[in-house]
């Protein structure tokens, strides 16, 4: 809960600094963070060459970890699921257990899937308002709509860190670090 309050406080402060004279809605603040996260994730996913999308660390304590493509697909599937829950919709087919459809094989397919997941998060953020942000979602343990979108940003950020490590293990400087 402390992390959520901190995230919202920081989000509110950043949004206020950007346009101090204009009030910001919860939808605008959440969408700001979805956009920020999207920019980091999509540029990192694009930085990895397609030939390295099957890379997974193997030296050390890495037994059974996801490949780079699986990291990106998992992150995107979770985004789709969290956005759908926020909107009260059924998640897209193939996102069960936060996995993507097996048909996604190439980098362009994975990139399209990833970008589409952020379109879903933007749509969910746009539907969020001060009247519905605390609505519980029974199928998600009564977590609120706002919490679902915060979860999407935090989860994506976790996997961004893993993506950065995979990039660096392949001697690729992440775009945000250039």
N, C-alpha and C. Protein backbone atom coordinates (compact mmCIF):
# COMPACT_ATOMS: atom_id res chain seq x y z
N UNK A 1 0.82 -1.19 0.00
CA UNK A 1 0.00 0.00 0.00
C UNK A 1 0.87 1.26 0.00
N UNK A 2 2.00 1.18 0.73
CA UNK A 2 2.91 2.33 0.77
C UNK A 2 3.44 2.62 -0.63
N UNK A 3 3.78 1.55 -1.36
CA UNK A 3 4.29 1.74 -2.72
C UNK A 3 3.24 2.37 -3.62
N UNK A 4 1.99 1.97 -3.45
CA UNK A 4 0.90 2.53 -4.26
C UNK A 4 0.73 4.01 -3.96
N UNK A 5 0.71 4.34 -2.67
CA UNK A 5 0.56 5.75 -2.29
C UNK A 5 1.74 6.56 -2.81
N UNK A 6 2.96 6.00 -2.68
CA UNK A 6 4.14 6.69 -3.19
C UNK A 6 4.06 6.89 -4.69
N UNK A 7 3.67 5.83 -5.42
CA UNK A 7 3.55 5.92 -6.87
C UNK A 7 2.54 6.99 -7.28
N UNK A 8 1.39 6.99 -6.62
CA UNK A 8 0.37 7.99 -6.95
C UNK A 8 0.84 9.39 -6.59
N UNK A 9 1.54 9.53 -5.47
CA UNK A 9 2.05 10.85 -5.07
C UNK A 9 3.05 11.37 -6.07
N UNK A 10 3.98 10.50 -6.47
CA UNK A 10 4.99 10.90 -7.45
C UNK A 10 4.32 11.22 -8.79
N UNK A 11 3.38 10.37 -9.20
CA UNK A 11 2.67 10.60 -10.45
C UNK A 11 1.95 11.94 -10.42
N UNK A 12 1.30 12.22 -9.32
CA UNK A 12 0.58 13.48 -9.19
C UNK A 12 1.54 14.66 -9.22
N UNK A 13 2.68 14.52 -8.54
CA UNK A 13 3.66 15.61 -8.52
C UNK A 13 4.24 15.86 -9.91
N UNK A 14 4.58 14.79 -10.61
CA UNK A 14 5.14 14.94 -11.96
C UNK A 14 4.10 15.59 -12.88
N UNK A 15 2.88 15.12 -12.79
CA UNK A 15 1.82 15.68 -13.64
C UNK A 15 1.60 17.15 -13.32
N UNK A 16 1.66 17.51 -12.06
CA UNK A 16 1.46 18.90 -11.67
C UNK A 16 2.61 19.78 -12.15
N UNK A 17 3.82 19.24 -12.14
CA UNK A 17 4.96 20.02 -12.63
C UNK A 17 4.86 20.28 -14.13
N UNK A 18 4.30 19.32 -14.85
CA UNK A 18 4.19 19.47 -16.29
C UNK A 18 3.22 20.59 -16.67
N UNK A 19 2.11 20.71 -15.97
CA UNK A 19 1.10 21.73 -16.26
C UNK A 19 0.49 22.18 -14.93
N UNK A 20 1.17 23.04 -14.19
CA UNK A 20 0.73 23.37 -12.84
C UNK A 20 -0.63 24.06 -12.76
N UNK A 21 -1.06 24.74 -13.79
CA UNK A 21 -2.32 25.50 -13.71
C UNK A 21 -3.54 24.64 -13.99
N UNK A 22 -3.33 23.46 -14.53
CA UNK A 22 -4.45 22.63 -14.97
C UNK A 22 -4.62 21.42 -14.04
N UNK A 23 -5.81 21.17 -13.53
CA UNK A 23 -6.01 19.99 -12.69
C UNK A 23 -5.90 18.71 -13.54
N UNK A 24 -5.46 17.64 -12.91
CA UNK A 24 -5.31 16.38 -13.62
C UNK A 24 -6.23 15.34 -13.02
N UNK A 25 -6.83 14.59 -13.88
CA UNK A 25 -7.70 13.51 -13.44
C UNK A 25 -6.86 12.28 -13.13
N UNK A 26 -7.45 11.33 -12.42
CA UNK A 26 -6.76 10.08 -12.15
C UNK A 26 -6.45 9.37 -13.48
N UNK A 27 -7.33 9.48 -14.43
CA UNK A 27 -7.12 8.89 -15.75
C UNK A 27 -5.87 9.47 -16.41
N UNK A 28 -5.70 10.77 -16.35
CA UNK A 28 -4.53 11.41 -16.96
C UNK A 28 -3.24 11.01 -16.26
N UNK A 29 -3.28 10.92 -14.95
CA UNK A 29 -2.07 10.54 -14.20
C UNK A 29 -1.68 9.10 -14.53
N UNK A 30 -2.63 8.19 -14.51
CA UNK A 30 -2.34 6.79 -14.82
C UNK A 30 -1.87 6.67 -16.26
N UNK A 31 -2.51 7.37 -17.18
CA UNK A 31 -2.11 7.29 -18.58
C UNK A 31 -0.69 7.83 -18.78
N UNK A 32 -0.31 8.84 -18.02
CA UNK A 32 1.07 9.35 -18.08
C UNK A 32 2.06 8.22 -17.78
N UNK A 33 1.78 7.43 -16.73
CA UNK A 33 2.69 6.35 -16.36
C UNK A 33 2.62 5.18 -17.32
N UNK A 34 1.47 4.91 -17.89
CA UNK A 34 1.38 3.87 -18.92
C UNK A 34 2.23 4.28 -20.11
N UNK A 35 2.14 5.54 -20.52
CA UNK A 35 2.93 6.04 -21.65
C UNK A 35 4.41 5.96 -21.36
N UNK A 36 4.83 6.39 -20.18
CA UNK A 36 6.24 6.36 -19.81
C UNK A 36 6.77 4.92 -19.84
N UNK A 37 6.01 4.00 -19.28
CA UNK A 37 6.40 2.60 -19.25
C UNK A 37 6.43 2.02 -20.67
N UNK A 38 5.45 2.36 -21.45
CA UNK A 38 5.38 1.88 -22.84
C UNK A 38 6.62 2.30 -23.62
N UNK A 39 7.03 3.54 -23.48
CA UNK A 39 8.20 4.02 -24.21
C UNK A 39 9.45 3.24 -23.84
N UNK A 40 9.64 2.95 -22.56
CA UNK A 40 10.81 2.17 -22.13
C UNK A 40 10.76 0.75 -22.67
N UNK A 41 9.62 0.10 -22.51
CA UNK A 41 9.47 -1.31 -22.87
C UNK A 41 9.58 -1.51 -24.38
N UNK A 42 8.84 -0.73 -25.13
CA UNK A 42 8.83 -0.93 -26.59
C UNK A 42 10.22 -0.66 -27.18
N UNK A 43 10.90 0.37 -26.70
CA UNK A 43 12.24 0.65 -27.25
C UNK A 43 13.23 -0.46 -26.86
N UNK A 44 13.11 -1.00 -25.65
CA UNK A 44 13.99 -2.10 -25.24
C UNK A 44 13.71 -3.35 -26.06
N UNK A 45 12.43 -3.66 -26.27
CA UNK A 45 12.07 -4.84 -27.05
C UNK A 45 12.55 -4.71 -28.49
N UNK A 46 12.49 -3.49 -29.01
CA UNK A 46 12.92 -3.25 -30.38
C UNK A 46 14.45 -3.30 -30.51
N UNK A 47 15.16 -2.98 -29.42
CA UNK A 47 16.62 -2.94 -29.48
C UNK A 47 17.24 -4.33 -29.62
N UNK A 48 16.55 -5.35 -29.15
CA UNK A 48 17.10 -6.71 -29.24
C UNK A 48 16.91 -7.22 -30.67
N UNK A 49 18.00 -7.65 -31.31
CA UNK A 49 17.86 -8.20 -32.67
C UNK A 49 17.00 -9.47 -32.65
N UNK A 50 16.29 -9.69 -33.74
CA UNK A 50 15.42 -10.87 -33.80
C UNK A 50 16.19 -12.16 -33.54
N UNK A 51 17.43 -12.22 -33.98
CA UNK A 51 18.23 -13.43 -33.77
C UNK A 51 18.51 -13.70 -32.29
N UNK A 52 18.33 -12.71 -31.45
CA UNK A 52 18.56 -12.86 -30.00
C UNK A 52 17.26 -12.97 -29.21
N UNK A 53 16.12 -12.99 -29.87
CA UNK A 53 14.85 -13.11 -29.16
C UNK A 53 14.73 -14.45 -28.43
N UNK A 54 15.51 -15.44 -28.85
CA UNK A 54 15.49 -16.75 -28.19
C UNK A 54 16.52 -16.83 -27.05
N UNK A 55 17.21 -15.73 -26.79
CA UNK A 55 18.24 -15.72 -25.74
C UNK A 55 17.63 -15.86 -24.35
N UNK A 56 18.25 -16.72 -23.56
CA UNK A 56 17.97 -16.82 -22.13
C UNK A 56 19.32 -17.06 -21.46
N UNK A 57 19.57 -16.39 -20.35
CA UNK A 57 20.84 -16.63 -19.65
C UNK A 57 20.94 -18.09 -19.22
N UNK A 58 22.15 -18.62 -19.27
CA UNK A 58 22.32 -20.02 -18.89
C UNK A 58 23.46 -20.21 -17.89
N UNK A 59 24.32 -19.24 -17.76
CA UNK A 59 25.44 -19.35 -16.84
C UNK A 59 25.02 -18.84 -15.47
N UNK A 60 25.17 -19.67 -14.45
CA UNK A 60 24.77 -19.26 -13.11
C UNK A 60 23.41 -19.82 -12.73
N UNK A 61 22.68 -19.08 -11.92
CA UNK A 61 21.40 -19.52 -11.36
C UNK A 61 20.23 -19.12 -12.27
N UNK A 62 20.23 -19.56 -13.52
CA UNK A 62 19.22 -19.14 -14.47
C UNK A 62 18.40 -20.30 -15.04
N UNK A 63 18.44 -21.42 -14.41
CA UNK A 63 17.73 -22.59 -14.93
C UNK A 63 16.23 -22.30 -15.08
N UNK A 64 15.73 -22.54 -16.27
CA UNK A 64 14.29 -22.42 -16.51
C UNK A 64 13.76 -21.01 -16.69
N UNK A 65 14.63 -20.01 -16.84
CA UNK A 65 14.12 -18.64 -17.01
C UNK A 65 13.57 -18.45 -18.42
N UNK A 66 12.77 -17.43 -18.58
CA UNK A 66 12.17 -17.13 -19.89
C UNK A 66 13.21 -16.60 -20.86
N UNK A 67 12.96 -16.86 -22.14
CA UNK A 67 13.77 -16.22 -23.18
C UNK A 67 13.36 -14.75 -23.25
N UNK A 68 14.12 -13.97 -24.01
CA UNK A 68 13.77 -12.57 -24.17
C UNK A 68 12.36 -12.44 -24.75
N UNK A 69 12.07 -13.22 -25.81
CA UNK A 69 10.73 -13.17 -26.41
C UNK A 69 9.66 -13.56 -25.40
N UNK A 70 9.93 -14.57 -24.59
CA UNK A 70 8.95 -14.99 -23.58
C UNK A 70 8.74 -13.90 -22.52
N UNK A 71 9.80 -13.17 -22.18
CA UNK A 71 9.65 -12.04 -21.25
C UNK A 71 8.67 -11.02 -21.82
N UNK A 72 8.90 -10.65 -23.08
CA UNK A 72 8.07 -9.63 -23.72
C UNK A 72 6.63 -10.12 -23.87
N UNK A 73 6.46 -11.37 -24.30
CA UNK A 73 5.12 -11.91 -24.48
C UNK A 73 4.38 -12.04 -23.15
N UNK A 74 5.08 -12.43 -22.11
CA UNK A 74 4.46 -12.53 -20.78
C UNK A 74 4.01 -11.16 -20.30
N UNK A 75 4.87 -10.18 -20.42
CA UNK A 75 4.54 -8.81 -20.02
C UNK A 75 3.30 -8.32 -20.78
N UNK A 76 3.28 -8.55 -22.09
CA UNK A 76 2.16 -8.10 -22.92
C UNK A 76 0.87 -8.83 -22.55
N UNK A 77 0.96 -10.14 -22.33
CA UNK A 77 -0.23 -10.91 -21.96
C UNK A 77 -0.80 -10.41 -20.63
N UNK A 78 0.08 -10.11 -19.69
CA UNK A 78 -0.37 -9.56 -18.40
C UNK A 78 -1.05 -8.21 -18.61
N UNK A 79 -0.48 -7.36 -19.48
CA UNK A 79 -1.10 -6.07 -19.78
C UNK A 79 -2.51 -6.27 -20.32
N UNK A 80 -2.66 -7.19 -21.26
CA UNK A 80 -3.99 -7.47 -21.83
C UNK A 80 -4.95 -7.92 -20.74
N UNK A 81 -4.49 -8.81 -19.86
CA UNK A 81 -5.37 -9.32 -18.81
C UNK A 81 -5.76 -8.22 -17.83
N UNK A 82 -4.80 -7.42 -17.40
CA UNK A 82 -5.08 -6.37 -16.43
C UNK A 82 -5.98 -5.28 -17.03
N UNK A 83 -5.75 -4.94 -18.29
CA UNK A 83 -6.62 -3.96 -18.94
C UNK A 83 -8.04 -4.50 -19.06
N UNK A 84 -8.18 -5.74 -19.46
CA UNK A 84 -9.51 -6.34 -19.60
C UNK A 84 -10.24 -6.37 -18.25
N UNK A 85 -9.52 -6.74 -17.19
CA UNK A 85 -10.15 -6.76 -15.86
C UNK A 85 -10.60 -5.36 -15.45
N UNK A 86 -9.78 -4.37 -15.73
CA UNK A 86 -10.12 -2.99 -15.40
C UNK A 86 -11.37 -2.54 -16.14
N UNK A 87 -11.50 -2.98 -17.38
CA UNK A 87 -12.63 -2.59 -18.21
C UNK A 87 -13.86 -3.48 -18.02
N UNK A 88 -13.71 -4.55 -17.24
CA UNK A 88 -14.82 -5.48 -17.06
C UNK A 88 -15.07 -6.33 -18.28
N UNK A 89 -14.02 -6.60 -19.03
CA UNK A 89 -14.13 -7.39 -20.26
C UNK A 89 -13.42 -8.73 -20.09
N UNK A 90 -13.67 -9.62 -21.01
CA UNK A 90 -12.93 -10.87 -21.05
C UNK A 90 -11.56 -10.60 -21.67
N UNK A 91 -10.50 -11.19 -21.13
CA UNK A 91 -9.19 -10.98 -21.74
C UNK A 91 -9.11 -11.67 -23.10
N UNK A 92 -8.23 -11.21 -23.95
CA UNK A 92 -8.09 -11.84 -25.27
C UNK A 92 -7.72 -13.32 -25.14
N UNK A 93 -8.12 -14.08 -26.12
CA UNK A 93 -7.79 -15.51 -26.16
C UNK A 93 -6.28 -15.68 -26.16
N UNK A 94 -5.83 -16.70 -25.48
CA UNK A 94 -4.40 -17.01 -25.49
C UNK A 94 -3.60 -16.31 -24.41
N UNK A 95 -4.25 -15.55 -23.53
CA UNK A 95 -3.51 -14.84 -22.48
C UNK A 95 -3.61 -15.55 -21.13
N UNK A 96 -4.15 -16.76 -21.13
CA UNK A 96 -4.27 -17.51 -19.88
C UNK A 96 -2.91 -17.63 -19.20
N UNK A 97 -2.92 -17.48 -17.89
CA UNK A 97 -1.70 -17.61 -17.08
C UNK A 97 -0.61 -16.64 -17.54
N UNK A 98 -1.04 -15.52 -18.07
CA UNK A 98 -0.13 -14.46 -18.53
C UNK A 98 0.89 -14.98 -19.54
N UNK A 99 0.41 -15.83 -20.42
CA UNK A 99 1.24 -16.29 -21.54
C UNK A 99 0.56 -15.83 -22.82
N UNK A 100 1.35 -15.68 -23.84
CA UNK A 100 0.84 -15.23 -25.13
C UNK A 100 0.55 -16.43 -26.02
N UNK A 101 -0.22 -16.21 -27.06
CA UNK A 101 -0.49 -17.32 -28.00
C UNK A 101 0.82 -17.89 -28.58
N UNK A 102 0.85 -19.20 -28.74
CA UNK A 102 2.04 -19.87 -29.28
C UNK A 102 2.33 -19.44 -30.72
N UNK A 103 1.34 -18.89 -31.40
CA UNK A 103 1.52 -18.49 -32.80
C UNK A 103 2.46 -17.29 -32.95
N UNK A 104 2.77 -16.60 -31.86
CA UNK A 104 3.67 -15.44 -31.93
C UNK A 104 5.11 -15.94 -31.94
N UNK A 105 5.73 -15.92 -33.10
CA UNK A 105 7.07 -16.50 -33.25
C UNK A 105 8.12 -15.46 -33.63
N UNK A 106 7.78 -14.52 -34.48
CA UNK A 106 8.78 -13.59 -35.01
C UNK A 106 8.82 -12.30 -34.19
N UNK A 107 9.91 -11.58 -34.30
CA UNK A 107 10.01 -10.30 -33.60
C UNK A 107 8.89 -9.35 -34.00
N UNK A 108 8.59 -9.19 -35.30
CA UNK A 108 7.47 -8.29 -35.65
C UNK A 108 6.14 -8.71 -35.02
N UNK A 109 5.88 -10.01 -34.94
CA UNK A 109 4.64 -10.48 -34.32
C UNK A 109 4.62 -10.15 -32.82
N UNK A 110 5.75 -10.36 -32.16
CA UNK A 110 5.84 -10.08 -30.73
C UNK A 110 5.72 -8.58 -30.49
N UNK A 111 6.37 -7.78 -31.33
CA UNK A 111 6.31 -6.31 -31.19
C UNK A 111 4.88 -5.82 -31.37
N UNK A 112 4.17 -6.34 -32.36
CA UNK A 112 2.77 -5.94 -32.58
C UNK A 112 1.91 -6.31 -31.37
N UNK A 113 2.12 -7.49 -30.85
CA UNK A 113 1.38 -7.95 -29.67
C UNK A 113 1.67 -7.04 -28.48
N UNK A 114 2.94 -6.70 -28.27
CA UNK A 114 3.34 -5.81 -27.19
C UNK A 114 2.68 -4.44 -27.34
N UNK A 115 2.78 -3.86 -28.51
CA UNK A 115 2.18 -2.53 -28.74
C UNK A 115 0.67 -2.57 -28.53
N UNK A 116 0.03 -3.64 -28.98
CA UNK A 116 -1.41 -3.78 -28.78
C UNK A 116 -1.78 -3.85 -27.31
N UNK A 117 -0.91 -4.44 -26.50
CA UNK A 117 -1.20 -4.54 -25.07
C UNK A 117 -1.20 -3.16 -24.43
N UNK A 118 -0.34 -2.27 -24.91
CA UNK A 118 -0.34 -0.91 -24.37
C UNK A 118 -1.54 -0.11 -24.88
N UNK A 119 -2.01 -0.40 -26.08
CA UNK A 119 -3.26 0.22 -26.55
C UNK A 119 -4.38 -0.14 -25.58
N UNK A 120 -4.42 -1.40 -25.15
CA UNK A 120 -5.44 -1.83 -24.20
C UNK A 120 -5.30 -1.11 -22.86
N UNK A 121 -4.06 -0.94 -22.39
CA UNK A 121 -3.86 -0.23 -21.13
C UNK A 121 -4.28 1.24 -21.25
N UNK A 122 -3.98 1.87 -22.38
CA UNK A 122 -4.41 3.27 -22.58
C UNK A 122 -5.94 3.36 -22.57
N UNK A 123 -6.59 2.39 -23.19
CA UNK A 123 -8.06 2.38 -23.21
C UNK A 123 -8.61 2.22 -21.79
N UNK A 124 -7.97 1.35 -21.01
CA UNK A 124 -8.40 1.15 -19.63
C UNK A 124 -8.16 2.41 -18.79
N UNK A 125 -7.01 3.06 -19.01
CA UNK A 125 -6.72 4.30 -18.27
C UNK A 125 -7.73 5.38 -18.63
N UNK A 126 -8.11 5.44 -19.89
CA UNK A 126 -9.08 6.46 -20.32
C UNK A 126 -10.45 6.23 -19.69
N UNK A 127 -10.77 5.00 -19.38
CA UNK A 127 -12.06 4.68 -18.78
C UNK A 127 -12.07 4.87 -17.26
N UNK A 128 -10.92 5.09 -16.68
CA UNK A 128 -10.81 5.26 -15.23
C UNK A 128 -11.19 6.68 -14.84
N UNK A 129 -11.93 6.80 -13.77
CA UNK A 129 -12.27 8.14 -13.26
C UNK A 129 -12.41 8.09 -11.75
N UNK A 130 -12.61 9.27 -11.17
CA UNK A 130 -12.69 9.37 -9.72
C UNK A 130 -13.89 8.62 -9.14
N UNK A 131 -14.90 8.36 -9.95
CA UNK A 131 -16.09 7.66 -9.48
C UNK A 131 -15.96 6.14 -9.54
N UNK A 132 -15.09 5.63 -10.42
CA UNK A 132 -15.01 4.17 -10.56
C UNK A 132 -13.65 3.57 -10.18
N UNK A 133 -12.68 4.41 -9.86
CA UNK A 133 -11.32 3.91 -9.62
C UNK A 133 -11.25 2.95 -8.43
N UNK A 134 -12.15 3.07 -7.46
CA UNK A 134 -12.15 2.21 -6.28
C UNK A 134 -13.13 1.05 -6.39
N UNK A 135 -13.71 0.86 -7.57
CA UNK A 135 -14.63 -0.26 -7.76
C UNK A 135 -13.86 -1.57 -7.65
N UNK A 136 -14.31 -2.49 -6.79
CA UNK A 136 -13.63 -3.77 -6.67
C UNK A 136 -13.93 -4.67 -7.86
N UNK A 137 -12.97 -5.50 -8.19
CA UNK A 137 -13.13 -6.47 -9.27
C UNK A 137 -13.14 -7.86 -8.62
N UNK A 138 -14.32 -8.44 -8.44
CA UNK A 138 -14.43 -9.71 -7.71
C UNK A 138 -13.53 -10.82 -8.26
N UNK A 139 -13.41 -10.92 -9.57
CA UNK A 139 -12.60 -11.99 -10.16
C UNK A 139 -11.10 -11.80 -9.90
N UNK A 140 -10.73 -10.65 -9.41
CA UNK A 140 -9.31 -10.36 -9.12
C UNK A 140 -9.11 -10.10 -7.63
N UNK A 141 -9.86 -10.82 -6.81
CA UNK A 141 -9.70 -10.70 -5.37
C UNK A 141 -10.14 -9.36 -4.81
N UNK A 142 -11.08 -8.72 -5.50
CA UNK A 142 -11.60 -7.41 -5.11
C UNK A 142 -10.58 -6.29 -5.19
N UNK A 143 -9.50 -6.53 -5.94
CA UNK A 143 -8.59 -5.41 -6.20
C UNK A 143 -9.36 -4.38 -7.01
N UNK A 144 -9.02 -3.13 -6.83
CA UNK A 144 -9.76 -2.06 -7.50
C UNK A 144 -9.27 -1.86 -8.93
N UNK A 145 -10.06 -1.12 -9.67
CA UNK A 145 -9.68 -0.80 -11.05
C UNK A 145 -8.36 -0.03 -11.08
N UNK A 146 -8.20 0.93 -10.17
CA UNK A 146 -6.95 1.69 -10.10
C UNK A 146 -5.78 0.77 -9.79
N UNK A 147 -5.96 -0.13 -8.84
CA UNK A 147 -4.88 -1.04 -8.48
C UNK A 147 -4.48 -1.94 -9.64
N UNK A 148 -5.44 -2.34 -10.45
CA UNK A 148 -5.13 -3.19 -11.61
C UNK A 148 -4.19 -2.46 -12.57
N UNK A 149 -4.43 -1.16 -12.78
CA UNK A 149 -3.58 -0.41 -13.70
C UNK A 149 -2.22 -0.10 -13.08
N UNK A 150 -2.19 0.13 -11.78
CA UNK A 150 -0.90 0.31 -11.12
C UNK A 150 -0.11 -1.00 -11.20
N UNK A 151 -0.80 -2.11 -11.02
CA UNK A 151 -0.15 -3.42 -11.15
C UNK A 151 0.45 -3.59 -12.54
N UNK A 152 -0.24 -3.15 -13.57
CA UNK A 152 0.28 -3.27 -14.93
C UNK A 152 1.58 -2.48 -15.10
N UNK A 153 1.63 -1.28 -14.55
CA UNK A 153 2.84 -0.44 -14.66
C UNK A 153 3.98 -1.06 -13.86
N UNK A 154 3.70 -1.50 -12.64
CA UNK A 154 4.74 -2.09 -11.79
C UNK A 154 5.24 -3.39 -12.38
N UNK A 155 4.33 -4.25 -12.84
CA UNK A 155 4.72 -5.52 -13.44
C UNK A 155 5.58 -5.28 -14.69
N UNK A 156 5.16 -4.35 -15.52
CA UNK A 156 5.93 -4.03 -16.73
C UNK A 156 7.31 -3.52 -16.36
N UNK A 157 7.39 -2.71 -15.33
CA UNK A 157 8.68 -2.16 -14.90
C UNK A 157 9.61 -3.27 -14.40
N UNK A 158 9.06 -4.25 -13.71
CA UNK A 158 9.85 -5.39 -13.27
C UNK A 158 10.46 -6.11 -14.47
N UNK A 159 9.64 -6.36 -15.47
CA UNK A 159 10.15 -7.07 -16.64
C UNK A 159 11.06 -6.19 -17.50
N UNK A 160 10.86 -4.89 -17.45
CA UNK A 160 11.79 -3.99 -18.13
C UNK A 160 13.20 -4.18 -17.58
N UNK A 161 13.30 -4.28 -16.26
CA UNK A 161 14.61 -4.52 -15.64
C UNK A 161 15.24 -5.80 -16.14
N UNK A 162 14.44 -6.84 -16.28
CA UNK A 162 14.96 -8.10 -16.79
C UNK A 162 15.37 -7.97 -18.26
N UNK A 163 14.58 -7.24 -19.02
CA UNK A 163 14.91 -7.02 -20.44
C UNK A 163 16.23 -6.27 -20.57
N UNK A 164 16.44 -5.28 -19.71
CA UNK A 164 17.70 -4.52 -19.72
C UNK A 164 18.88 -5.46 -19.46
N UNK A 165 18.73 -6.36 -18.49
CA UNK A 165 19.80 -7.32 -18.20
C UNK A 165 20.08 -8.20 -19.41
N UNK A 166 19.04 -8.68 -20.07
CA UNK A 166 19.22 -9.52 -21.25
C UNK A 166 19.92 -8.74 -22.37
N UNK A 167 19.53 -7.49 -22.56
CA UNK A 167 20.19 -6.66 -23.56
C UNK A 167 21.68 -6.52 -23.24
N UNK A 168 21.99 -6.18 -22.01
CA UNK A 168 23.39 -5.98 -21.61
C UNK A 168 24.20 -7.27 -21.70
N UNK A 169 23.58 -8.41 -21.41
CA UNK A 169 24.28 -9.70 -21.56
C UNK A 169 24.64 -9.98 -23.01
N UNK A 170 23.96 -9.28 -23.92
CA UNK A 170 24.23 -9.42 -25.35
C UNK A 170 24.97 -8.19 -25.90
N UNK A 171 25.60 -7.45 -25.00
CA UNK A 171 26.40 -6.27 -25.38
C UNK A 171 25.59 -5.20 -26.12
N UNK A 172 24.34 -5.05 -25.72
CA UNK A 172 23.48 -4.04 -26.30
C UNK A 172 23.15 -3.03 -25.20
N UNK A 173 23.46 -1.77 -25.46
CA UNK A 173 23.14 -0.73 -24.51
C UNK A 173 21.66 -0.40 -24.67
N UNK A 174 20.89 -0.49 -23.59
CA UNK A 174 19.46 -0.18 -23.71
C UNK A 174 19.25 1.26 -24.20
N UNK A 175 18.25 1.48 -25.04
CA UNK A 175 18.02 2.82 -25.60
C UNK A 175 17.95 3.92 -24.54
N UNK A 176 17.37 3.65 -23.39
CA UNK A 176 17.23 4.67 -22.36
C UNK A 176 18.58 5.05 -21.75
N UNK A 177 19.59 4.18 -21.92
CA UNK A 177 20.93 4.44 -21.36
C UNK A 177 21.89 5.06 -22.37
N UNK A 178 21.44 5.25 -23.57
CA UNK A 178 22.34 5.80 -24.60
C UNK A 178 22.46 7.29 -24.50
